[in-house]
Protein backbone atom coordinates (compact mmCIF):
# COMPACT_ATOMS: atom_id res chain seq x y z
CA MET A 1 6.96 21.25 9.28
CA ILE A 2 5.09 20.05 6.18
CA VAL A 3 4.51 23.68 5.19
CA VAL A 4 8.20 24.44 5.74
CA GLU A 5 9.19 21.43 3.62
CA SER A 6 6.84 22.50 0.81
CA ILE A 7 8.32 26.00 0.76
CA ILE A 8 11.88 24.66 0.73
CA THR A 9 11.04 22.21 -2.08
CA ALA A 10 9.73 25.12 -4.16
CA VAL A 11 12.81 27.23 -3.42
CA ASN A 12 15.13 24.36 -4.29
CA GLY A 13 13.27 23.79 -7.53
CA ALA A 14 13.66 27.41 -8.53
CA ALA A 15 17.36 27.38 -7.62
CA ASP A 16 18.06 24.11 -9.44
CA ALA A 17 19.20 25.95 -12.59
CA THR A 18 22.63 27.01 -11.36
CA PRO A 19 25.01 25.22 -8.97
CA LEU A 20 25.82 28.23 -6.78
CA THR A 21 22.23 29.32 -6.21
CA ALA A 22 21.17 25.74 -5.52
CA LEU A 23 23.97 25.24 -3.00
CA ILE A 24 23.27 28.53 -1.22
CA ALA A 25 19.49 27.99 -1.28
CA GLY A 26 19.79 24.45 0.07
CA VAL A 27 22.07 25.42 2.96
CA VAL A 28 20.03 28.51 3.85
CA CYS A 29 16.72 26.63 3.66
CA GLY A 30 18.13 23.83 5.79
CA GLY A 31 19.23 26.36 8.38
CA LEU A 32 15.83 28.06 8.37
CA ALA A 33 14.12 24.69 8.80
CA LEU A 34 16.31 23.92 11.82
CA ALA A 35 15.47 27.30 13.31
CA ALA A 36 11.76 26.78 12.66
CA TYR A 37 11.84 23.36 14.33
CA ALA A 38 13.72 24.67 17.37
CA GLY A 39 11.26 27.55 17.66
CA LEU A 40 8.25 25.25 17.45
CA VAL A 41 9.67 22.93 20.10
CA ARG A 42 10.30 25.83 22.48
CA TYR A 43 6.85 27.34 21.85
CA LEU A 44 4.72 24.18 21.82
CA GLU A 45 6.65 21.96 24.23
CA GLY A 46 8.36 24.50 26.44
CA ARG A 47 11.77 22.86 26.25
CA THR A 48 15.15 23.18 24.56
CA PRO A 49 15.44 20.69 21.64
CA GLN A 50 18.19 18.41 22.93
CA GLU A 51 17.87 16.34 19.74
CA LEU A 52 19.54 19.29 18.01
CA ALA A 53 22.22 19.98 20.61
CA LEU A 54 24.94 21.97 18.85
CA ALA A 55 27.67 20.19 20.81
CA GLU A 56 26.74 16.97 19.00
CA ALA A 57 26.36 18.46 15.52
CA ARG A 58 29.87 18.05 14.17
CA GLN A 59 30.38 14.49 15.33
CA GLY A 60 26.85 13.39 14.45
CA LEU A 61 26.92 14.85 10.96
CA GLY A 62 30.41 13.47 10.32
CA ARG A 63 29.47 9.95 11.33
CA GLY A 64 26.22 10.12 9.40
CA VAL A 65 27.92 11.31 6.21
CA THR A 66 30.58 8.60 6.47
CA LEU A 67 27.95 5.90 7.01
CA GLY A 68 25.69 7.17 4.22
CA LEU A 69 28.50 7.31 1.66
CA GLY A 70 29.67 3.84 2.65
CA LEU A 71 26.22 2.23 2.52
CA PHE A 72 25.36 3.58 -0.91
CA THR A 73 28.80 2.76 -2.32
CA VAL A 74 28.33 -0.86 -1.24
CA THR A 75 24.82 -0.87 -2.74
CA ILE A 76 25.89 0.45 -6.14
CA ALA A 77 28.89 -1.90 -6.16
CA LEU A 78 26.54 -4.85 -5.76
CA VAL A 79 24.33 -3.55 -8.56
CA ALA A 80 27.44 -3.19 -10.75
CA MET A 81 28.54 -6.74 -9.92
CA VAL A 82 25.37 -8.14 -11.52
CA GLY A 83 25.86 -5.93 -14.59
CA GLY A 84 23.18 -3.39 -13.74
CA TYR A 85 25.24 -0.19 -13.34
CA HIS A 86 27.01 1.43 -16.30
CA VAL A 87 29.37 4.41 -16.27
CA HIS A 88 29.47 6.29 -19.59
CA GLY A 89 32.00 8.93 -18.62
CA TRP A 90 32.41 11.98 -16.45
CA GLY A 91 29.35 13.95 -15.53
CA SER A 92 29.28 17.49 -14.16
CA PHE A 93 30.91 19.03 -11.11
CA GLY A 94 28.29 21.78 -11.25
CA GLY A 95 25.58 19.15 -11.27
CA ALA A 96 27.10 17.56 -8.19
CA LEU A 97 27.09 20.93 -6.37
CA THR A 98 23.47 21.49 -7.36
CA THR A 99 22.59 18.06 -6.03
CA LEU A 100 24.41 18.83 -2.77
CA GLY A 101 22.42 22.03 -2.33
CA VAL A 102 19.05 20.51 -3.15
CA MET A 103 19.64 17.43 -1.01
CA THR A 104 20.75 19.52 1.96
CA GLY A 105 17.32 21.09 2.13
CA VAL A 106 15.59 17.75 1.51
CA ALA A 107 17.54 15.79 4.14
CA VAL A 108 17.14 18.41 6.85
CA THR A 109 13.43 19.02 6.38
CA GLU A 110 12.49 15.35 6.00
CA GLU A 111 14.40 14.30 9.10
CA LEU A 112 12.92 17.14 11.14
CA ALA A 113 9.40 16.23 9.98
CA PHE A 114 9.56 12.43 10.15
CA ARG A 115 12.00 11.71 12.96
CA GLY A 116 12.01 14.98 14.89
CA ALA A 117 8.25 15.53 14.88
CA LEU A 118 6.31 12.45 13.74
CA PHE A 119 8.44 9.78 15.42
CA ARG A 120 8.57 11.63 18.74
CA VAL A 121 4.83 12.30 18.86
CA LEU A 122 3.94 8.75 17.86
CA GLU A 123 6.34 7.31 20.42
CA GLU A 124 4.40 9.03 23.20
CA LYS A 125 1.18 7.42 21.94
CA THR A 126 2.33 3.99 20.77
CA GLY A 127 5.79 3.35 22.20
CA THR A 128 9.03 3.09 20.25
CA TRP A 129 8.08 0.12 18.07
CA GLY A 130 4.82 1.68 16.93
CA ALA A 131 6.54 4.98 16.17
CA LEU A 132 9.22 3.18 14.21
CA ALA A 133 6.73 1.25 12.06
CA VAL A 134 4.27 4.06 11.36
CA SER A 135 6.88 6.76 10.67
CA ALA A 136 8.70 4.38 8.31
CA LEU A 137 5.51 3.63 6.36
CA ALA A 138 4.63 7.33 6.22
CA PHE A 139 8.12 8.13 4.97
CA GLY A 140 7.85 5.51 2.24
CA GLY A 141 4.37 6.73 1.30
CA LEU A 142 5.70 10.26 0.82
CA HIS A 143 7.69 9.02 -2.18
CA LEU A 144 4.58 7.80 -4.01
CA VAL A 145 4.09 11.35 -5.29
CA ASN A 146 7.34 11.23 -7.29
CA LYS A 147 7.27 10.99 -11.08
CA ASP A 148 8.59 7.42 -11.40
CA ALA A 149 7.14 6.19 -8.12
CA THR A 150 6.07 2.57 -7.63
CA ILE A 151 4.46 0.71 -4.75
CA TRP A 152 7.54 -1.49 -4.50
CA GLY A 153 9.84 1.54 -4.47
CA ALA A 154 7.83 3.16 -1.67
CA LEU A 155 7.90 -0.05 0.37
CA ALA A 156 11.64 -0.36 -0.21
CA ILE A 157 12.13 3.21 1.02
CA ALA A 158 10.03 2.47 4.09
CA VAL A 159 12.12 -0.59 4.99
CA GLU A 160 15.64 0.49 4.09
CA ALA A 161 15.41 4.20 4.87
CA GLY A 162 12.41 4.79 7.13
CA LEU A 163 13.34 1.99 9.50
CA MET A 164 17.05 2.77 9.36
CA PHE A 165 16.67 6.49 10.06
CA GLY A 166 14.20 5.71 12.85
CA ALA A 167 16.59 3.17 14.38
CA VAL A 168 19.44 5.68 14.24
CA TYR A 169 17.32 8.29 16.02
CA ALA A 170 16.10 5.78 18.61
CA ALA A 171 19.68 4.77 19.42
CA THR A 172 21.18 8.26 19.53
CA ARG A 173 18.20 10.48 20.39
CA SER A 174 19.87 13.03 18.16
CA LEU A 175 18.81 14.26 14.72
CA TRP A 176 22.32 15.09 13.53
CA LEU A 177 23.38 11.56 12.63
CA PRO A 178 20.21 10.73 10.63
CA ILE A 179 20.44 14.09 8.85
CA GLY A 180 24.05 13.38 7.83
CA LEU A 181 23.20 9.82 6.80
CA HIS A 182 20.19 10.93 4.74
CA LEU A 183 22.16 13.70 3.05
CA ALA A 184 25.17 11.54 2.18
CA TRP A 185 23.03 8.69 0.79
CA ASN A 186 21.15 11.05 -1.55
CA VAL A 187 24.27 12.93 -2.63
CA ALA A 188 26.11 9.69 -3.32
CA GLU A 189 23.15 8.31 -5.26
CA GLN A 190 22.77 11.26 -7.61
CA GLY A 191 25.61 13.69 -6.97
CA ILE A 192 28.41 11.12 -7.23
CA PHE A 193 27.15 8.01 -9.00
CA GLY A 194 24.62 9.78 -11.26
CA THR A 195 21.56 7.62 -10.59
CA SER A 196 17.96 8.58 -9.87
CA VAL A 197 16.83 9.40 -6.32
CA SER A 198 13.56 7.86 -5.15
CA GLY A 199 11.82 7.96 -8.51
CA SER A 200 12.02 11.75 -8.69
CA GLY A 201 12.60 11.61 -12.45
CA THR A 202 14.67 14.80 -12.32
CA GLY A 203 18.07 15.89 -11.17
CA ALA A 204 21.14 17.85 -12.08
CA GLY A 205 23.30 14.76 -12.33
CA GLY A 206 26.57 14.04 -10.63
CA LEU A 207 30.26 13.48 -11.02
CA LEU A 208 29.62 10.37 -13.11
CA ASP A 209 27.41 10.05 -16.19
CA ALA A 210 25.81 6.69 -15.52
CA SER A 211 22.69 4.58 -15.92
CA VAL A 212 21.16 1.36 -14.65
CA SER A 213 19.62 -1.46 -16.67
CA GLY A 214 18.39 -4.94 -16.01
CA PRO A 215 15.83 -6.55 -13.69
CA GLN A 216 14.14 -3.95 -11.51
CA ALA A 217 14.48 -6.16 -8.45
CA LEU A 218 18.27 -5.93 -8.78
CA THR A 219 18.76 -2.42 -10.16
CA GLY A 220 15.69 -0.50 -9.00
CA GLY A 221 14.80 0.52 -12.56
CA ASP A 222 13.59 4.09 -13.12
CA PHE A 223 12.97 4.52 -9.40
CA GLY A 224 16.69 4.26 -8.75
CA PRO A 225 18.91 1.87 -6.78
CA GLU A 226 16.84 2.45 -3.64
CA ALA A 227 14.27 0.05 -5.10
CA SER A 228 16.93 -2.62 -5.48
CA ILE A 229 16.91 -5.65 -3.21
CA PHE A 230 20.58 -4.89 -2.62
CA ALA A 231 19.72 -1.55 -0.99
CA ILE A 232 17.31 -3.27 1.37
CA LEU A 233 19.81 -5.95 2.34
CA VAL A 234 22.62 -3.45 2.84
CA CYS A 235 20.53 -1.11 5.00
CA ILE A 236 19.06 -3.88 7.15
CA VAL A 237 22.49 -4.39 8.72
CA PRO A 238 22.87 -0.92 10.32
CA THR A 239 19.16 -0.92 11.17
CA VAL A 240 19.57 -4.05 13.29
CA LEU A 241 22.80 -2.79 14.84
CA PHE A 242 21.28 0.56 15.82
CA LEU A 243 18.16 -1.11 17.24
CA ARG A 244 20.37 -3.38 19.33
CA ALA A 245 22.26 -0.30 20.51
CA ALA A 246 18.98 1.42 21.38
CA LYS A 247 17.88 -1.58 23.43
CA ARG A 248 21.25 -1.78 25.17
CA ARG A 249 21.01 1.92 26.07
CA ASN A 250 17.43 1.49 27.36
CA ARG A 251 16.06 3.80 24.67
CA ILE A 252 13.26 1.54 23.46
CA HIS A 253 10.16 2.30 25.50
CA THR A 254 6.57 1.15 25.78
CA ARG A 255 3.70 3.59 25.96
CA ALA A 256 3.18 2.75 29.65
CA GLU A 257 6.84 3.43 30.47
CA LEU A 258 6.69 6.83 28.80
CA ALA A 259 3.46 7.70 30.64
CA GLN A 260 5.04 6.80 33.98
CA ALA A 261 8.12 8.88 33.14
CA ARG A 262 5.91 11.91 32.41
CA GLN A 263 4.07 11.49 35.71
CA ARG A 264 7.37 11.46 37.61
């Protein structure tokens, strides 16, 4: 999955120049990544990947997109309330389409790798809580390679995104909702509100030409609003709610419980 993600990142980078090629490349690469994941699961595990059940795709993606757009809109509104977000005018519709294409590939491959593969494998070895913690830290650490990366930004990503996406997967046992949530958050961040995504330092822009300024703890600085304390506080709410739902649905397991289930 890491190899697949690297290839898709390279393809997206090459296609970033024009909106149409970026959109097509992102959607196609996302589809190929889904096919690769399903093929690996069938070959290595000998099962049908129920976490990608097509019957749940439309509803899961729809709910995820709605939640992601809402969460980031609240986050950027809070940043704006303290004077940290500034709109200078309209941006570019083409830039927004490019962002949508690029982020489609990113959201799909990262959720397949970190929730679909890493979380599931770790859960078998450590139980749900261990998988949640380690996959979240790994997901945050991934963003240290970005141009404007900071330790604080990576930790913020681990808490607000890694834990939230993991909680969503634990509660639903489906990858569609976290994929939609991940995609919508990134598209809103750059494709709509025109701010930086995870310290990447690049991007085609969005519908709004905007910038952030002020204390990094409140605005996220060059890393983007994800490094803002507001993003952490906003995302903690759904994280807790989804974890409570997972517990209520008996989807939080210890290592011993999972071992007994396999023996049966």
